[in-house]
């Protein structure tokens, strides 16, 4: 609200045509004529916050020039439907004089001083004309003593008309003024109450009634009404506050009466039923009549059935209110209306969701849970121990918010089945949600119902299918989510996996909060690097490394072979796979961290056996109901067939046939059958020795998403210009490692006796080419540094590297060997390849505690602190230059 201001003796005048600005009112104008632009520029733009102008109404509309159109006007109140656009004008004195020397503008003798609340300047193109947009606020009334011109615009000598504070305090003691004030406030409050019911507004206006002086409030209210120009002038001329309050009360009362008349008309129109409403009422009446007559043969009303289903869903109170509103809306709609099916499907989802339904958890028996984990999974001691700890906490505190477990490991090591075992141990239902390749945030949060084909997210859909609110939910392949213009699913999962936020998870389709705090989340991933750090921070990562050959053998005998035989309709009576053959499959046909390829190879053998059993001549089909016949009758019937050789076995409770077929002798897998079914061996223990048969080749160990692998590095030299060539689809980090390795070897060329003391350039006249085989596979990482140096030293010295030795480690330019990651997976990979010696950075020896003792017992672990230690162990008999060099 405008504070009392001190008026200057002279003000620049902006004439308003057929429009009055009252104190307290706010109006927005656009000035385009040279006269008004000059006025605004000199009186407001240059003076900034201190600028004031006078707004003076004019009656001579014919001679007033337009300054623009009011884009919006008002006083900060919302007292009715007022959406008119009023045009105001400014006189151009030069044009008026040029048109007629006798014409005089009819200025009003009283006006209002105004200040600029907002001022913006613009330039029209292509004319280059300057324009202003001004938001003006009326401050106080003034009287015009004299009007003159200043350049192109008018100025006036003015005197204030508003009462001083002592005069106003004296008037407030007048009983007549008090009565008028109470009458005005009562009428204004009644108007505000009516508008509040109609437009849901009025809060700001009530505050004005309590804080603004009543004589200023009268101007503000009247400025909000659409009244004639004469009435506006009359209000402007009301300097006496009693007269002003009397006129304002009359105008407010008139506006109130017009609103009430409009409401009565609206109620009459709304009282008339439309055609669709009449049809609905008639159908309801017909249905009631049929029910009274007992002639209602129709099926149960779907909407009524849906309502009963919603009532029994156990929704929270706030969600039940929301569902009732949607149901009332559905009842008012006809099935033919476009939004009917969408509303019905939405309500069916609300009714189907398990708001309160939960799995009945039996009392946790940790011993039974441990036996279940041991029976389902071989090995994984630390992983199973962590799961038992998790279950122990759940037993002591069932409502505890446990950590979200994230199993990270290569494919085929049992990550998904571990989550299933947790659900079985807890006695809860299990639901799996695959996140591989998900790039749309709507897959997690759902689509908004305004879209065509909208549907809930995968989490809500999974809970609907499992029908309980406390399942074990597996978020599978959480490291393979992506992001694009449709959003980032990983960011949406932050709310899902945060115990403080998932109590009120908001699915966009559901549009009501859903409590996910009772759900136990378990995630799986092949590697942790692609998972965003904020999401990874909400989970406890449990690494599952690859299996050793001995563990694979136990898994095959205990789990894989029985499952494969059952899947192919076989038993041990038809197919037997000796332990020796299983070892050959593991060593010669599979070199992986998990056991999936092992299971595929076993399935190939089972299919070959199934073909033999199905086509074998000495085969007797027996009905499963044969035990209902007596033995003599069976003998007589079978004796008629001379082509069938068989032995009649008495059928009793102690003799059950597992199949419709029985063969004379089982098929026992041998080495020749392996080559016939699986083909020639894919891997050979002699591979490493054959590939490291020449100088310039070394064996490295790398980590991949599928576990550890053995990587050969080959180096050779040729005539050239001293360039280094790198091939094998290498990343930037490994290229830098190769450059560091070559630099280190060149700096030690004399000490290693690769060059004479006077020679300084080891590469003079020749190029070096380093290749990483398997060029179709991208490779990157720092752990190949020591392998590269060993290959280069072997190349320049023409000495072969030991074929039974593999190495890993990052090196510095000074020859220090730095620790690397994935030590357990790398050691297991070396063990699978039959490598007996492994060179590791000395600071990685602490990581060997995770390696199975059986693997460590069959290998020699050689620690290295500097590059010289690596060269000492990598060559047969040690580094031949150590004695004569300063290494």
Foldseek 3Di string as FASTA:
>chain_A
DADDDDDDQKFFEFEWEQDAAFALKKWKWKFFDPAVVVRCCVQDVVVPQPGKHWYWYWHPPVQFAWGGKTPDIARPDDQDPDDDIDTTTGHFVVVVCVVDVPDDIHIDFKTFMKHFPDKDWDADPPVRGIMMMTMIHTHFMWGFDDWDDDPGTIMTRIDGLADDPVVVVVVVVDPLLVVLLVLQLVLVVVSLVVCCVVPVDRPVVVVCNVPPDSLSVLRRQVRHDDDGSVLSVVLSPCSPSSVNSVSSSVVSNVSSVVVVVVVVVVVVVVVDDDPLRVVLVVVVVVVVVCVVVVNPPDDDDPLVVLVVLLVPLPADPVVVVVLVVLSVVLSSDDPPDPCNVLSVVLSVLNSLFNQPAAFDWDQFDLVVLLVLCVLVAPDPVVVSVVLSVVVVVCNVPVLDQDAAAEEAAAPARCQVVVLVSSQVRRRFDEFEDEQAAAAALCLAQWDASVDPPTDWHPVSVRSSVRRHLAHAYEHEALLRYHYDPNGGNLVLCLQVLDLVRLCFRHRNHNRGGGGNSNYRYYYYHLDDVSRDVSSVVRHDYDYRAADFLVSLLVCCVSPQLVVLQVVLLHDVQAEDEDSVNLSCCLQFPDQFRHCPSVSVLSNLVNVVSSVCQVPPQQKDFDDQPVLVDDPVVVCVVVVVDPSHDDDDDRDDPVDHDSHRIGDDGYHYDDPVVSCVRVNPGPADLCVLVVVLVWALKAWAWDADSGFIAIWIKGKEKDFDAAEEAEAQQEDPAVVVLLVLLVLLCLVCCCLLVLDPPPDRGSQHRMYMYMYIPPSVDYDYDQFCNLVSNRSVSRHSVRATWDSLEYETFGADSVFFTHADPRPQRRLSNSVSSVRAEYEGAPVCPVVCVPHDPVSPVRHHYHHDGGSQSVQQPGGVPGRPSVVPGPD
